[in-house]
C-alpha atoms as a PDB file:
ATOM      1  CA  MET A   1     -16.339  18.384 -53.128  1.00  0.00           C
ATOM      2  CA  PRO A   2     -16.479  18.314 -49.293  1.00  0.00           C
ATOM      3  CA  THR A   3     -14.607  20.997 -47.382  1.00  0.00           C
ATOM      4  CA  HIS A   4     -14.047  18.855 -44.305  1.00  0.00           C
ATOM      5  CA  ALA A   5     -12.271  15.561 -43.762  1.00  0.00           C
ATOM      6  CA  THR A   6     -14.348  12.555 -44.719  1.00  0.00           C
ATOM      7  CA  THR A   7     -12.359  10.067 -42.646  1.00  0.00           C
ATOM      8  CA  ALA A   8     -13.103   9.516 -39.013  1.00  0.00           C
ATOM      9  CA  PRO A   9     -10.720  11.233 -36.610  1.00  0.00           C
ATOM     10  CA  PRO A  10      -8.119   8.941 -35.111  1.00  0.00           C
ATOM     11  CA  THR A  11      -9.417   7.363 -31.940  1.00  0.00           C
ATOM     12  CA  LEU A  12      -7.441   6.872 -28.791  1.00  0.00           C
ATOM     13  CA  ASP A  13      -5.604   3.618 -28.476  1.00  0.00           C
ATOM     14  CA  PRO A  14      -7.759   0.974 -26.863  1.00  0.00           C
ATOM     15  CA  LEU A  15      -7.113   0.580 -23.178  1.00  0.00           C
ATOM     16  CA  ASP A  16      -4.575  -2.053 -22.294  1.00  0.00           C
ATOM     17  CA  PRO A  17      -6.121  -4.264 -19.579  1.00  0.00           C
ATOM     18  CA  LEU A  18      -2.748  -5.783 -18.722  1.00  0.00           C
ATOM     19  CA  GLU A  19      -1.212  -2.358 -18.130  1.00  0.00           C
ATOM     20  CA  ASP A  20      -4.218  -1.375 -16.020  1.00  0.00           C
ATOM     21  CA  ALA A  21      -3.808  -4.545 -13.946  1.00  0.00           C
ATOM     22  CA  ARG A  22      -0.107  -3.833 -13.417  1.00  0.00           C
ATOM     23  CA  ASP A  23      -0.874  -0.272 -12.351  1.00  0.00           C
ATOM     24  CA  LEU A  24      -3.493  -1.573  -9.934  1.00  0.00           C
ATOM     25  CA  GLN A  25      -1.065  -4.120  -8.462  1.00  0.00           C
ATOM     26  CA  ALA A  26       1.553  -1.410  -7.992  1.00  0.00           C
ATOM     27  CA  SER A  27      -0.998   0.805  -6.253  1.00  0.00           C
ATOM     28  CA  ILE A  28      -2.060  -2.046  -3.975  1.00  0.00           C
ATOM     29  CA  ALA A  29       1.564  -2.807  -3.092  1.00  0.00           C
ATOM     30  CA  ALA A  30       2.204   0.851  -2.252  1.00  0.00           C
ATOM     31  CA  LEU A  31      -0.921   0.995  -0.100  1.00  0.00           C
ATOM     32  CA  ARG A  32       0.143  -2.156   1.753  1.00  0.00           C
ATOM     33  CA  LEU A  33       3.499  -0.574   2.561  1.00  0.00           C
ATOM     34  CA  LEU A  34       1.775   2.550   3.843  1.00  0.00           C
ATOM     35  CA  LEU A  35      -0.584   0.450   5.943  1.00  0.00           C
ATOM     36  CA  LYS A  36       2.344  -1.422   7.503  1.00  0.00           C
ATOM     37  CA  ALA A  37       4.109   1.861   8.276  1.00  0.00           C
ATOM     38  CA  GLN A  38       0.986   3.285   9.891  1.00  0.00           C
ATOM     39  CA  SER A  39       0.523   0.117  11.901  1.00  0.00           C
ATOM     40  CA  ARG A  40       4.060   0.429  13.240  1.00  0.00           C
ATOM     41  CA  GLN A  41       3.416   4.061  14.139  1.00  0.00           C
ATOM     42  CA  PHE A  42       0.259   3.104  16.028  1.00  0.00           C
ATOM     43  CA  GLU A  43       2.144   0.374  17.877  1.00  0.00           C
ATOM     44  CA  ALA A  44       4.848   2.859  18.863  1.00  0.00           C
ATOM     45  CA  ILE A  45       2.242   5.324  20.126  1.00  0.00           C
ATOM     46  CA  GLU A  46       0.507   2.559  22.057  1.00  0.00           C
ATOM     47  CA  ARG A  47       3.800   1.526  23.677  1.00  0.00           C
ATOM     48  CA  ARG A  48       4.453   5.111  24.736  1.00  0.00           C
ATOM     49  CA  LEU A  49       0.988   5.519  26.214  1.00  0.00           C
ATOM     50  CA  SER A  50       0.799   2.191  28.029  1.00  0.00           C
ATOM     51  CA  PRO A  51       2.368   1.820  31.472  1.00  0.00           C
ATOM     52  CA  PRO A  52       5.734   0.101  31.501  1.00  0.00           C
ATOM     53  CA  GLY A  53       5.569  -3.585  32.268  1.00  0.00           C
ATOM     54  CA  THR A  54       8.048  -5.941  33.798  1.00  0.00           C
ATOM     55  CA  PRO A  55      11.195  -6.677  31.802  1.00  0.00           C
ATOM     56  CA  ALA A  56       9.757 -10.090  30.900  1.00  0.00           C
ATOM     57  CA  GLU A  57       6.568  -8.519  29.534  1.00  0.00           C
ATOM     58  CA  THR A  58       8.564  -5.983  27.557  1.00  0.00           C
ATOM     59  CA  GLY A  59      10.762  -8.712  26.072  1.00  0.00           C
ATOM     60  CA  ALA A  60       7.775 -10.873  25.190  1.00  0.00           C
ATOM     61  CA  HIS A  61       6.092  -7.927  23.496  1.00  0.00           C
ATOM     62  CA  ARG A  62       9.211  -7.163  21.455  1.00  0.00           C
ATOM     63  CA  LEU A  63       9.522 -10.808  20.427  1.00  0.00           C
ATOM     64  CA  ARG A  64       5.876 -10.911  19.274  1.00  0.00           C
ATOM     65  CA  ALA A  65       6.393  -7.680  17.309  1.00  0.00           C
ATOM     66  CA  LEU A  66       9.478  -9.115  15.584  1.00  0.00           C
ATOM     67  CA  LYS A  67       7.663 -12.318  14.675  1.00  0.00           C
ATOM     68  CA  ALA A  68       4.715 -10.323  13.304  1.00  0.00           C
ATOM     69  CA  ARG A  69       7.014  -8.249  11.086  1.00  0.00           C
ATOM     70  CA  GLN A  70       8.667 -11.361   9.659  1.00  0.00           C
ATOM     71  CA  ALA A  71       5.323 -12.895   8.719  1.00  0.00           C
END
């Protein structure tokens, strides 16, 4: 009579590819949000470092920034 278990130990559940894909999509979405936030920070730094333009240039720059955020 054997003194150890003769059945194979329970294996881990097989990986769920759909769950992995959802996790990956969530990670990508979070990274995109971080990238957008960093981009805005860089734009703000660039605005602070660049010399002030005419009011028309400033307005045009703000309008382009708003349009880019909506896209």
